[in-house]
Structure formats: C-alpha cells, structure tokens
C-alpha cells in the first residue's frame, strides 16, 4: 500500500459525482454535501435517502447507467460498485482526465481514500488505516470521541478569539505557542463542558494578562459569543 499524503480538500462549490444509488452512495453524497460540494448522483436506481435529498433540492440525480464520458466536469468522483469491470473503466477515465477518484472498498482503483472522520466544529480528526481496514478506523474514531467532547467546538472558538488578541498585540509565534500550551493545560475545556462559559472566558483573560494583554472580560465574552453566532449552523 502507498504511504498516503494526508490532505484536507476544499470542495465548496465544486462538482462532485457519485456513481451508485445505494446506502453507501448516500453516505458519501451526504459527506460531500456537508463540505459544500455540488453533488450529482448517477445510477439507474436510487435508495430512499437519495430520493429524499433530491426532493429537498440538496443534490441532483442523473438516472442512467455509467458510460465512459460521464465523468466530464466533475472535480471529484466517488463510486459505489461491486462490478470490477466498471471499477476499472471508471479508474481509467478518471486517471486520464486527471480527476480525483475513490471507488469504495477498492483501494487499487483510488487516487485518494476517505478516512473515518470526527468533527467538533472547527476541529477535524481523521483516522485512516491506509484503506486496509476501514472498520477498525471507525472504531478508533469512536474511541477518540471521548477525548473530544462536543464542547470542543466552543473551546476552539475561544482559543481563536485569544489568538486574535495575541496577534494584534504583536506577540511572537513562539510566545503564542507557549500561551496555547498553558491554554491546553488549563481547566478551560472542563469549565465549558460544565456550562461555566463566563468562568472559562475569565480564565482566558487571566492567561492573556500573563502575556501582557489586559483584555476586558466583557469584551472577550462578546467576541466569543459573536463567533459562536456567526458559525452557528443554518
């Protein structure tokens, strides 16, 4: 197996083509939609989940069997197929076009593989076994969920606010790195998990003071709340 180069791909506004109409294809389409791709799903038949997504105008359905030439215009292609001849044909077309392609459970015909992903707002943790054991990767990701509680999103947003103050004040990269070592070792995440948001903000303000930044707690709290509002779903 190759030593894969890990990368985070921006698919916002780019066309993603999913070949296949089963539940696996629906899962891949849903993941692409969550990342902002414009998704087209092509198959002769579609599962209920895909039909529902199409009814909500979240993606487009192309009701036809795959034939060479159908990949034109796609930035990324994901195929769910058990037909190895079709897999080889898909791979040959995508490779010839210089397109990114993943054929589910057939790593030999993939230019990229999809890890098991844990998301906590701005935090993304990807777990991969290099395509050798996706089920094990999924279980490792489940194990990691306990280390990154749902409040990790708020924790990162508060860290982002603090970082903005440090940068504006001209604090060096090295000192910022030391600051976030202190931030990470503090009880700020625990406070947020307990619903003690103001206490977490106050603790952050105290840490900033140690680096010569006298930031009003009320200002820090307002900036934190604004960031939560701006990044809220919907």
Protein backbone atom coordinates (compact mmCIF):
# COMPACT_ATOMS: atom_id res chain seq x y z
CA UNK A 1 0.00 0.00 0.00
CA UNK A 2 1.22 3.55 -0.69
CA UNK A 3 2.22 5.97 2.04
CA UNK A 4 -0.68 8.36 1.54
CA UNK A 5 -0.14 12.10 1.68
CA UNK A 6 -2.75 13.45 4.14
CA UNK A 7 -4.63 16.47 2.82
CA UNK A 8 -7.77 18.50 3.60
CA UNK A 9 -9.62 19.16 0.34
CA UNK A 10 -11.79 22.24 -0.29
CA UNK A 11 -14.75 21.08 -2.40
CA UNK A 12 -17.01 24.10 -1.81
CA UNK A 13 -18.87 24.94 -4.99
CA UNK A 14 -17.11 22.16 -6.91
CA UNK A 15 -18.98 19.40 -8.71
CA UNK A 16 -18.75 16.02 -7.03
CA UNK A 17 -20.08 12.99 -8.92
CA UNK A 18 -21.23 9.92 -7.01
CA UNK A 19 -21.73 6.77 -9.07
CA UNK A 20 -24.19 4.39 -7.43
CA UNK A 21 -27.59 4.66 -5.79
CA UNK A 22 -27.32 2.52 -2.65
CA UNK A 23 -26.96 3.48 1.02
CA UNK A 24 -23.17 3.66 0.70
CA UNK A 25 -23.52 6.15 -2.15
CA UNK A 26 -25.97 8.13 0.00
CA UNK A 27 -23.44 8.22 2.85
CA UNK A 28 -20.72 9.54 0.55
CA UNK A 29 -23.08 12.09 -1.01
CA UNK A 30 -24.13 13.33 2.42
CA UNK A 31 -20.49 13.75 3.46
CA UNK A 32 -19.74 15.74 0.31
CA UNK A 33 -22.80 17.94 0.86
CA UNK A 34 -21.64 18.68 4.41
CA UNK A 35 -18.39 20.02 2.94
CA UNK A 36 -20.17 22.31 0.47
CA UNK A 37 -19.83 20.33 -2.76
CA UNK A 38 -22.39 20.48 -5.57
CA UNK A 39 -23.35 16.81 -5.70
CA UNK A 40 -24.65 14.81 -8.64
CA UNK A 41 -25.56 11.17 -8.07
CA UNK A 42 -25.76 8.86 -11.07
CA UNK A 43 -27.44 5.46 -11.07
CA UNK A 44 -30.31 3.57 -12.66
CA UNK A 45 -31.96 3.25 -9.23
CA UNK A 46 -31.77 5.28 -6.03
CA UNK A 47 -32.31 4.45 -2.37
CA UNK A 48 -34.90 6.35 -0.34
CA UNK A 49 -32.30 8.56 1.34
CA UNK A 50 -31.02 9.82 -2.01
CA UNK A 51 -34.56 10.40 -3.28
CA UNK A 52 -35.31 12.42 -0.16
CA UNK A 53 -32.16 14.53 -0.55
CA UNK A 54 -33.12 15.22 -4.16
CA UNK A 55 -36.67 16.16 -3.12
CA UNK A 56 -35.12 18.69 -0.73
CA UNK A 57 -33.11 20.08 -3.70
CA UNK A 58 -29.86 19.31 -1.90
CA UNK A 59 -28.41 17.29 -4.77
CA UNK A 60 -29.17 16.29 -8.36
CA UNK A 61 -29.99 12.81 -9.61
CA UNK A 62 -28.90 11.51 -13.01
CA UNK A 63 -30.91 8.38 -13.75
CA UNK A 64 -28.72 6.35 -16.10
CA UNK A 65 -26.09 3.65 -16.07
CA UNK A 66 -22.49 4.80 -16.22
CA UNK A 67 -20.91 5.02 -19.67
CA UNK A 68 -17.44 6.40 -20.49
CA UNK A 69 -17.56 10.16 -20.77
CA UNK A 70 -19.96 10.63 -17.85
CA UNK A 71 -17.20 11.90 -15.54
CA UNK A 72 -16.72 15.08 -17.57
CA UNK A 73 -16.91 18.22 -15.43
CA UNK A 74 -16.50 16.50 -12.06
CA UNK A 75 -13.82 17.74 -9.69
CA UNK A 76 -14.02 14.59 -7.59
CA UNK A 77 -15.64 11.20 -8.24
CA UNK A 78 -16.77 8.59 -5.72
CA UNK A 79 -18.19 5.28 -6.90
CA UNK A 80 -20.02 2.55 -5.01
CA UNK A 81 -19.93 -0.50 -7.26
CA UNK A 82 -19.26 -4.22 -6.98
CA UNK A 83 -18.68 -4.51 -10.74
CA UNK A 84 -14.90 -4.76 -11.11
CA UNK A 85 -15.01 -4.17 -14.86
CA UNK A 86 -16.91 -0.95 -14.23
CA UNK A 87 -14.42 -0.03 -11.50
CA UNK A 88 -11.53 -0.44 -13.94
CA UNK A 89 -13.31 1.65 -16.58
CA UNK A 90 -14.10 4.40 -14.06
CA UNK A 91 -10.50 4.43 -12.88
CA UNK A 92 -9.16 4.61 -16.43
CA UNK A 93 -11.43 7.54 -17.33
CA UNK A 94 -10.71 9.49 -14.14
CA UNK A 95 -6.96 8.85 -14.39
CA UNK A 96 -6.97 10.00 -17.98
CA UNK A 97 -8.78 13.21 -17.06
CA UNK A 98 -6.59 13.88 -14.03
CA UNK A 99 -9.61 13.63 -11.72
CA UNK A 100 -9.65 12.56 -8.10
CA UNK A 101 -11.48 9.25 -7.73
CA UNK A 102 -12.40 6.89 -4.93
CA UNK A 103 -14.01 3.54 -5.61
CA UNK A 104 -15.38 2.30 -2.32
CA UNK A 105 -13.50 -0.71 -0.90
CA UNK A 106 -11.25 -0.97 -3.97
CA UNK A 107 -8.07 0.92 -2.97
CA UNK A 108 -6.23 -0.28 -6.07
CA UNK A 109 -8.54 1.98 -8.11
CA UNK A 110 -8.42 5.03 -5.85
CA UNK A 111 -6.35 8.18 -6.19
CA UNK A 112 -7.46 9.03 -2.64
CA UNK A 113 -9.05 7.22 0.26
CA UNK A 114 -11.58 8.56 2.74
CA UNK A 115 -10.70 8.37 6.44
CA UNK A 116 -13.10 7.92 9.32
CA UNK A 117 -13.81 11.48 10.45
CA UNK A 118 -14.61 13.04 13.82
CA UNK A 119 -15.81 16.65 13.70
CA UNK A 120 -16.14 19.11 16.53
CA UNK A 121 -16.89 22.40 14.79
CA UNK A 122 -13.54 23.75 13.59
CA UNK A 123 -11.76 20.58 14.73
CA UNK A 124 -11.49 17.68 12.29
CA UNK A 125 -9.81 14.43 13.33
CA UNK A 126 -9.27 11.93 10.52
CA UNK A 127 -8.35 8.30 11.19
CA UNK A 128 -7.03 6.09 8.40
CA UNK A 129 -5.56 2.62 8.17
CA UNK A 130 -4.41 3.29 4.60
CA UNK A 131 -7.51 1.62 3.21
CA UNK A 132 -6.62 -1.75 4.74
CA UNK A 133 -9.27 -1.82 7.47
CA UNK A 134 -11.99 0.89 7.40
CA UNK A 135 -13.97 -0.89 10.13
CA UNK A 136 -11.04 -0.66 12.54
CA UNK A 137 -10.51 3.01 11.62
CA UNK A 138 -14.17 3.64 12.50
CA UNK A 139 -13.74 2.03 15.92
CA UNK A 140 -10.58 4.03 16.63
CA UNK A 141 -12.53 7.18 15.75
CA UNK A 142 -15.30 6.14 18.16
CA UNK A 143 -12.67 5.69 20.87
CA UNK A 144 -11.36 9.20 20.23
CA UNK A 145 -14.81 10.75 20.64
CA UNK A 146 -14.39 10.54 24.41
CA UNK A 147 -11.24 12.66 24.21
CA UNK A 148 -13.00 15.38 22.22
CA UNK A 149 -16.38 16.17 23.83
CA UNK A 150 -18.99 18.25 21.98
CA UNK A 151 -17.86 21.39 23.82
CA UNK A 152 -14.54 21.21 21.99
CA UNK A 153 -16.08 23.45 19.36
CA UNK A 154 -16.63 26.26 21.88
CA UNK A 155 -13.15 25.61 23.28
CA UNK A 156 -11.59 26.15 19.86
CA UNK A 157 -13.64 29.28 19.21
CA UNK A 158 -12.46 30.79 22.49
CA UNK A 159 -8.89 29.88 21.54
CA UNK A 160 -9.40 31.63 18.19
CA UNK A 161 -10.52 34.82 19.94
CA UNK A 162 -7.48 34.70 22.23
CA UNK A 163 -5.16 34.12 19.26
CA UNK A 164 -6.54 37.19 17.50
CA UNK A 165 -5.66 39.35 20.54
CA UNK A 166 -2.17 37.86 20.74
CA UNK A 167 -1.50 38.52 17.06
CA UNK A 168 -2.81 42.08 17.19
CA UNK A 169 -0.54 42.75 20.16
CA UNK A 170 2.47 41.52 18.19
CA UNK A 171 3.15 38.51 20.41
CA UNK A 172 5.67 36.29 18.62
CA UNK A 173 4.78 32.88 17.20
CA UNK A 174 7.00 31.21 19.79
CA UNK A 175 5.27 33.00 22.66
CA UNK A 176 1.84 32.25 21.20
CA UNK A 177 2.82 28.61 21.11
CA UNK A 178 3.75 28.76 24.81
CA UNK A 179 0.44 30.53 25.56
CA UNK A 180 -1.55 27.74 23.96
CA UNK A 181 0.43 25.21 25.93
CA UNK A 182 -0.90 26.98 29.04
CA UNK A 183 -4.39 27.22 27.48
CA UNK A 184 -4.38 23.49 26.73
CA UNK A 185 -3.20 22.58 30.24
CA UNK A 186 -5.81 24.79 31.91
CA UNK A 187 -9.32 23.85 33.06
CA UNK A 188 -10.99 25.95 30.34
CA UNK A 189 -12.38 22.94 28.45
CA UNK A 190 -13.71 21.45 31.70
CA UNK A 191 -15.42 24.74 32.55
CA UNK A 192 -17.08 24.90 29.13
CA UNK A 193 -18.19 21.28 29.46
CA UNK A 194 -19.81 22.15 32.80
CA UNK A 195 -21.63 25.11 31.28
CA UNK A 196 -19.42 27.64 33.08
CA UNK A 197 -18.85 29.77 29.99
CA UNK A 198 -18.13 33.04 31.82
CA UNK A 199 -15.64 31.32 34.10
CA UNK A 200 -13.89 29.93 31.01
CA UNK A 201 -13.74 33.41 29.48
CA UNK A 202 -12.36 34.85 32.73
CA UNK A 203 -9.70 32.16 32.88
CA UNK A 204 -8.70 33.02 29.30
CA UNK A 205 -8.46 36.71 30.20
CA UNK A 206 -6.20 35.82 33.13
CA UNK A 207 -3.92 33.82 30.84
CA UNK A 208 -3.74 36.73 28.41
CA UNK A 209 -2.73 39.05 31.25
CA UNK A 210 0.31 36.84 31.88
CA UNK A 211 1.42 37.74 28.36
CA UNK A 212 0.93 41.47 28.86
CA UNK A 213 -2.57 41.73 27.36
CA UNK A 214 -5.15 43.44 29.53
CA UNK A 215 -8.40 42.45 27.80
CA UNK A 216 -11.74 43.26 29.40
CA UNK A 217 -13.66 40.11 30.26
CA UNK A 218 -16.84 41.66 28.86
CA UNK A 219 -15.11 42.34 25.52
CA UNK A 220 -13.70 38.83 25.38
CA UNK A 221 -17.12 37.36 26.17
CA UNK A 222 -18.80 39.48 23.48
CA UNK A 223 -16.24 38.41 20.85
CA UNK A 224 -16.67 34.78 21.85
CA UNK A 225 -20.47 34.97 21.63
CA UNK A 226 -20.26 36.70 18.25
CA UNK A 227 -18.01 33.93 16.89
CA UNK A 228 -20.41 31.27 18.18
CA UNK A 229 -23.33 33.10 16.49
CA UNK A 230 -21.53 33.64 13.19
CA UNK A 231 -20.53 29.98 12.96
CA UNK A 232 -23.85 28.55 14.15
CA UNK A 233 -25.47 26.01 11.78
CA UNK A 234 -28.05 27.49 9.39
